[in-house]
Amino acid sequence: MTVRRFVSTLTMSTILSLSLMSVVPAVASVESHGVKKKCDQAALVRYNSYKNASRAIVAAYKTVIEAAKVTYRAAQQSGISSVRKAARANYEAALANAQNTRAAALSALGPAPSVPQGCKAAEIHS
């Protein structure tokens, strides 16, 4: 693997990790589904929106981690020890960055709302 390709792959994994920060506002603004049942619709929308947002955050985190793993594994195949050491350091930094970003995004999302009462299981995201 060339150094140029390694740097470009590392750049892409960093960009993906930074994209986690834009997931929360985009998903948190989900509108009501217009479900007409005998349950608290506002509570149902809040609960489902929270679940969708947290799932998107976790999915983005997993994508970033997988990209970092691919970059790291590709660099480990290099015969140059300095490239391998740098890859390990970059991998650990990417993991720490992704974990901190995920924690910040989940913290910004706030506490989970309670499960709405009186709603059917099919209406509630679990």
C-alpha atoms as a PDB file:
ATOM      1  CA  MET A   1       0.000   0.000   0.000  1.00  0.00           C
ATOM      2  CA  THR A   2       1.412   3.344  -0.931  1.00  0.00           C
ATOM      3  CA  VAL A   3       1.729   6.147   1.554  1.00  0.00           C
ATOM      4  CA  ARG A   4      -0.530   8.288  -0.621  1.00  0.00           C
ATOM      5  CA  ARG A   5      -3.325   5.721  -0.507  1.00  0.00           C
ATOM      6  CA  PHE A   6      -2.831   5.274   3.225  1.00  0.00           C
ATOM      7  CA  VAL A   7      -3.167   9.014   3.828  1.00  0.00           C
ATOM      8  CA  SER A   8      -6.268   9.244   1.638  1.00  0.00           C
ATOM      9  CA  THR A   9      -7.888   6.314   3.450  1.00  0.00           C
ATOM     10  CA  LEU A  10      -7.075   7.861   6.805  1.00  0.00           C
ATOM     11  CA  THR A  11      -8.565  11.150   5.644  1.00  0.00           C
ATOM     12  CA  MET A  12     -11.792   9.421   4.614  1.00  0.00           C
ATOM     13  CA  SER A  13     -12.098   7.668   7.980  1.00  0.00           C
ATOM     14  CA  THR A  14     -11.626  11.003   9.742  1.00  0.00           C
ATOM     15  CA  ILE A  15     -14.308  12.610   7.579  1.00  0.00           C
ATOM     16  CA  LEU A  16     -16.694   9.771   8.401  1.00  0.00           C
ATOM     17  CA  SER A  17     -16.065  10.207  12.109  1.00  0.00           C
ATOM     18  CA  LEU A  18     -16.792  13.909  11.857  1.00  0.00           C
ATOM     19  CA  SER A  19     -20.042  13.130  10.064  1.00  0.00           C
ATOM     20  CA  LEU A  20     -21.352  11.638  13.303  1.00  0.00           C
ATOM     21  CA  MET A  21     -21.815  15.173  14.574  1.00  0.00           C
ATOM     22  CA  SER A  22     -24.352  15.973  11.865  1.00  0.00           C
ATOM     23  CA  VAL A  23     -26.493  12.870  12.483  1.00  0.00           C
ATOM     24  CA  VAL A  24     -28.249  14.043  15.636  1.00  0.00           C
ATOM     25  CA  PRO A  25     -29.907  17.236  14.318  1.00  0.00           C
ATOM     26  CA  ALA A  26     -30.939  15.603  11.039  1.00  0.00           C
ATOM     27  CA  VAL A  27     -32.619  12.622  12.673  1.00  0.00           C
ATOM     28  CA  ALA A  28     -33.977  14.389  15.755  1.00  0.00           C
ATOM     29  CA  SER A  29     -36.334  16.498  13.621  1.00  0.00           C
ATOM     30  CA  VAL A  30     -38.454  13.587  12.414  1.00  0.00           C
ATOM     31  CA  GLU A  31     -42.080  14.628  12.082  1.00  0.00           C
ATOM     32  CA  SER A  32     -45.160  12.819  13.366  1.00  0.00           C
ATOM     33  CA  HIS A  33     -46.345   9.764  11.488  1.00  0.00           C
ATOM     34  CA  GLY A  34     -49.972  10.731  11.895  1.00  0.00           C
ATOM     35  CA  VAL A  35     -50.837   7.480  13.674  1.00  0.00           C
ATOM     36  CA  LYS A  36     -54.474   7.594  14.822  1.00  0.00           C
ATOM     37  CA  LYS A  37     -54.594   5.241  17.806  1.00  0.00           C
ATOM     38  CA  LYS A  38     -55.593   5.605  21.446  1.00  0.00           C
ATOM     39  CA  CYS A  39     -52.125   6.452  22.637  1.00  0.00           C
ATOM     40  CA  ASP A  40     -50.316   9.684  23.372  1.00  0.00           C
ATOM     41  CA  GLN A  41     -49.159  10.675  19.891  1.00  0.00           C
ATOM     42  CA  ALA A  42     -46.690  13.288  21.101  1.00  0.00           C
ATOM     43  CA  ALA A  43     -45.031  10.772  23.428  1.00  0.00           C
ATOM     44  CA  LEU A  44     -44.965   8.188  20.638  1.00  0.00           C
ATOM     45  CA  VAL A  45     -43.273  10.626  18.239  1.00  0.00           C
ATOM     46  CA  ARG A  46     -40.731  11.654  20.893  1.00  0.00           C
ATOM     47  CA  TYR A  47     -39.932   8.037  21.724  1.00  0.00           C
ATOM     48  CA  ASN A  48     -39.657   6.874  18.108  1.00  0.00           C
ATOM     49  CA  SER A  49     -37.593   9.933  17.117  1.00  0.00           C
ATOM     50  CA  TYR A  50     -35.198   9.287  19.977  1.00  0.00           C
ATOM     51  CA  LYS A  51     -34.840   5.625  19.009  1.00  0.00           C
ATOM     52  CA  ASN A  52     -34.249   6.506  15.333  1.00  0.00           C
ATOM     53  CA  ALA A  53     -31.633   9.109  16.261  1.00  0.00           C
ATOM     54  CA  SER A  54     -29.785   6.802  18.631  1.00  0.00           C
ATOM     55  CA  ARG A  55     -29.780   4.031  16.023  1.00  0.00           C
ATOM     56  CA  ALA A  56     -28.366   6.429  13.432  1.00  0.00           C
ATOM     57  CA  ILE A  57     -25.619   7.501  15.841  1.00  0.00           C
ATOM     58  CA  VAL A  58     -24.653   3.905  16.580  1.00  0.00           C
ATOM     59  CA  ALA A  59     -24.749   2.987  12.877  1.00  0.00           C
ATOM     60  CA  ALA A  60     -22.479   5.923  12.005  1.00  0.00           C
ATOM     61  CA  TYR A  61     -20.137   4.914  14.832  1.00  0.00           C
ATOM     62  CA  LYS A  62     -19.941   1.352  13.516  1.00  0.00           C
ATOM     63  CA  THR A  63     -19.213   2.655  10.012  1.00  0.00           C
ATOM     64  CA  VAL A  64     -16.354   4.813  11.278  1.00  0.00           C
ATOM     65  CA  ILE A  65     -14.906   1.948  13.330  1.00  0.00           C
ATOM     66  CA  GLU A  66     -15.086  -0.401  10.353  1.00  0.00           C
ATOM     67  CA  ALA A  67     -13.352   2.154   8.117  1.00  0.00           C
ATOM     68  CA  ALA A  68     -10.599   2.558  10.703  1.00  0.00           C
ATOM     69  CA  LYS A  69     -10.180  -1.229  10.886  1.00  0.00           C
ATOM     70  CA  VAL A  70      -9.888  -1.515   7.114  1.00  0.00           C
ATOM     71  CA  THR A  71      -7.269   1.240   7.032  1.00  0.00           C
ATOM     72  CA  TYR A  72      -5.345  -0.340   9.885  1.00  0.00           C
ATOM     73  CA  ARG A  73      -5.397  -3.841   8.391  1.00  0.00           C
ATOM     74  CA  ALA A  74      -4.240  -2.546   5.033  1.00  0.00           C
ATOM     75  CA  ALA A  75      -1.325  -0.716   6.640  1.00  0.00           C
ATOM     76  CA  GLN A  76      -0.382  -3.778   8.698  1.00  0.00           C
ATOM     77  CA  GLN A  77       0.384  -5.618   5.474  1.00  0.00           C
ATOM     78  CA  SER A  78       3.148  -3.120   4.771  1.00  0.00           C
ATOM     79  CA  GLY A  79       6.661  -4.349   5.386  1.00  0.00           C
ATOM     80  CA  ILE A  80       7.758  -0.972   6.738  1.00  0.00           C
ATOM     81  CA  SER A  81       7.641  -0.881  10.525  1.00  0.00           C
ATOM     82  CA  SER A  82       7.286   2.909  10.715  1.00  0.00           C
ATOM     83  CA  VAL A  83       4.154   2.733   8.544  1.00  0.00           C
ATOM     84  CA  ARG A  84       2.770  -0.045  10.738  1.00  0.00           C
ATOM     85  CA  LYS A  85       3.456   1.911  13.929  1.00  0.00           C
ATOM     86  CA  ALA A  86       1.888   5.036  12.482  1.00  0.00           C
ATOM     87  CA  ALA A  87      -1.119   3.000  11.371  1.00  0.00           C
ATOM     88  CA  ARG A  88      -1.545   1.619  14.888  1.00  0.00           C
ATOM     89  CA  ALA A  89      -1.366   5.104  16.392  1.00  0.00           C
ATOM     90  CA  ASN A  90      -3.843   6.456  13.826  1.00  0.00           C
ATOM     91  CA  TYR A  91      -6.170   3.505  14.442  1.00  0.00           C
ATOM     92  CA  GLU A  92      -6.164   4.079  18.199  1.00  0.00           C
ATOM     93  CA  ALA A  93      -6.714   7.804  17.675  1.00  0.00           C
ATOM     94  CA  ALA A  94      -9.620   7.099  15.306  1.00  0.00           C
ATOM     95  CA  LEU A  95     -11.188   4.737  17.862  1.00  0.00           C
ATOM     96  CA  ALA A  96     -10.872   7.279  20.652  1.00  0.00           C
ATOM     97  CA  ASN A  97     -12.251  10.040  18.417  1.00  0.00           C
ATOM     98  CA  ALA A  98     -15.200   7.896  17.327  1.00  0.00           C
ATOM     99  CA  GLN A  99     -15.994   6.875  20.904  1.00  0.00           C
ATOM    100  CA  ASN A 100     -15.849  10.472  22.125  1.00  0.00           C
ATOM    101  CA  THR A 101     -17.962  11.680  19.215  1.00  0.00           C
ATOM    102  CA  ARG A 102     -20.551   8.936  19.804  1.00  0.00           C
ATOM    103  CA  ALA A 103     -20.684   9.735  23.516  1.00  0.00           C
ATOM    104  CA  ALA A 104     -21.108  13.449  22.786  1.00  0.00           C
ATOM    105  CA  ALA A 105     -23.841  12.778  20.221  1.00  0.00           C
ATOM    106  CA  LEU A 106     -25.757  10.490  22.584  1.00  0.00           C
ATOM    107  CA  SER A 107     -25.314  13.010  25.389  1.00  0.00           C
ATOM    108  CA  ALA A 108     -26.617  15.801  23.153  1.00  0.00           C
ATOM    109  CA  LEU A 109     -29.611  13.633  22.356  1.00  0.00           C
ATOM    110  CA  GLY A 110     -30.568  13.764  26.031  1.00  0.00           C
ATOM    111  CA  PRO A 111     -32.196  11.178  28.251  1.00  0.00           C
ATOM    112  CA  ALA A 112     -34.395   8.552  26.663  1.00  0.00           C
ATOM    113  CA  PRO A 113     -38.106   9.307  26.889  1.00  0.00           C
ATOM    114  CA  SER A 114     -40.304   6.748  28.574  1.00  0.00           C
ATOM    115  CA  VAL A 115     -42.187   4.209  26.490  1.00  0.00           C
ATOM    116  CA  PRO A 116     -45.616   5.665  25.625  1.00  0.00           C
ATOM    117  CA  GLN A 117     -48.506   3.936  27.349  1.00  0.00           C
ATOM    118  CA  GLY A 118     -51.516   2.625  25.481  1.00  0.00           C
ATOM    119  CA  CYS A 119     -49.744   2.235  22.153  1.00  0.00           C
ATOM    120  CA  LYS A 120     -49.573  -1.016  20.247  1.00  0.00           C
ATOM    121  CA  ALA A 121     -46.214  -2.752  20.005  1.00  0.00           C
ATOM    122  CA  ALA A 122     -46.198  -2.310  16.213  1.00  0.00           C
ATOM    123  CA  GLU A 123     -46.266   1.490  16.643  1.00  0.00           C
ATOM    124  CA  ILE A 124     -43.332   1.572  19.044  1.00  0.00           C
ATOM    125  CA  HIS A 125     -39.782   1.181  17.755  1.00  0.00           C
ATOM    126  CA  SER A 126     -37.958  -1.293  19.965  1.00  0.00           C
END
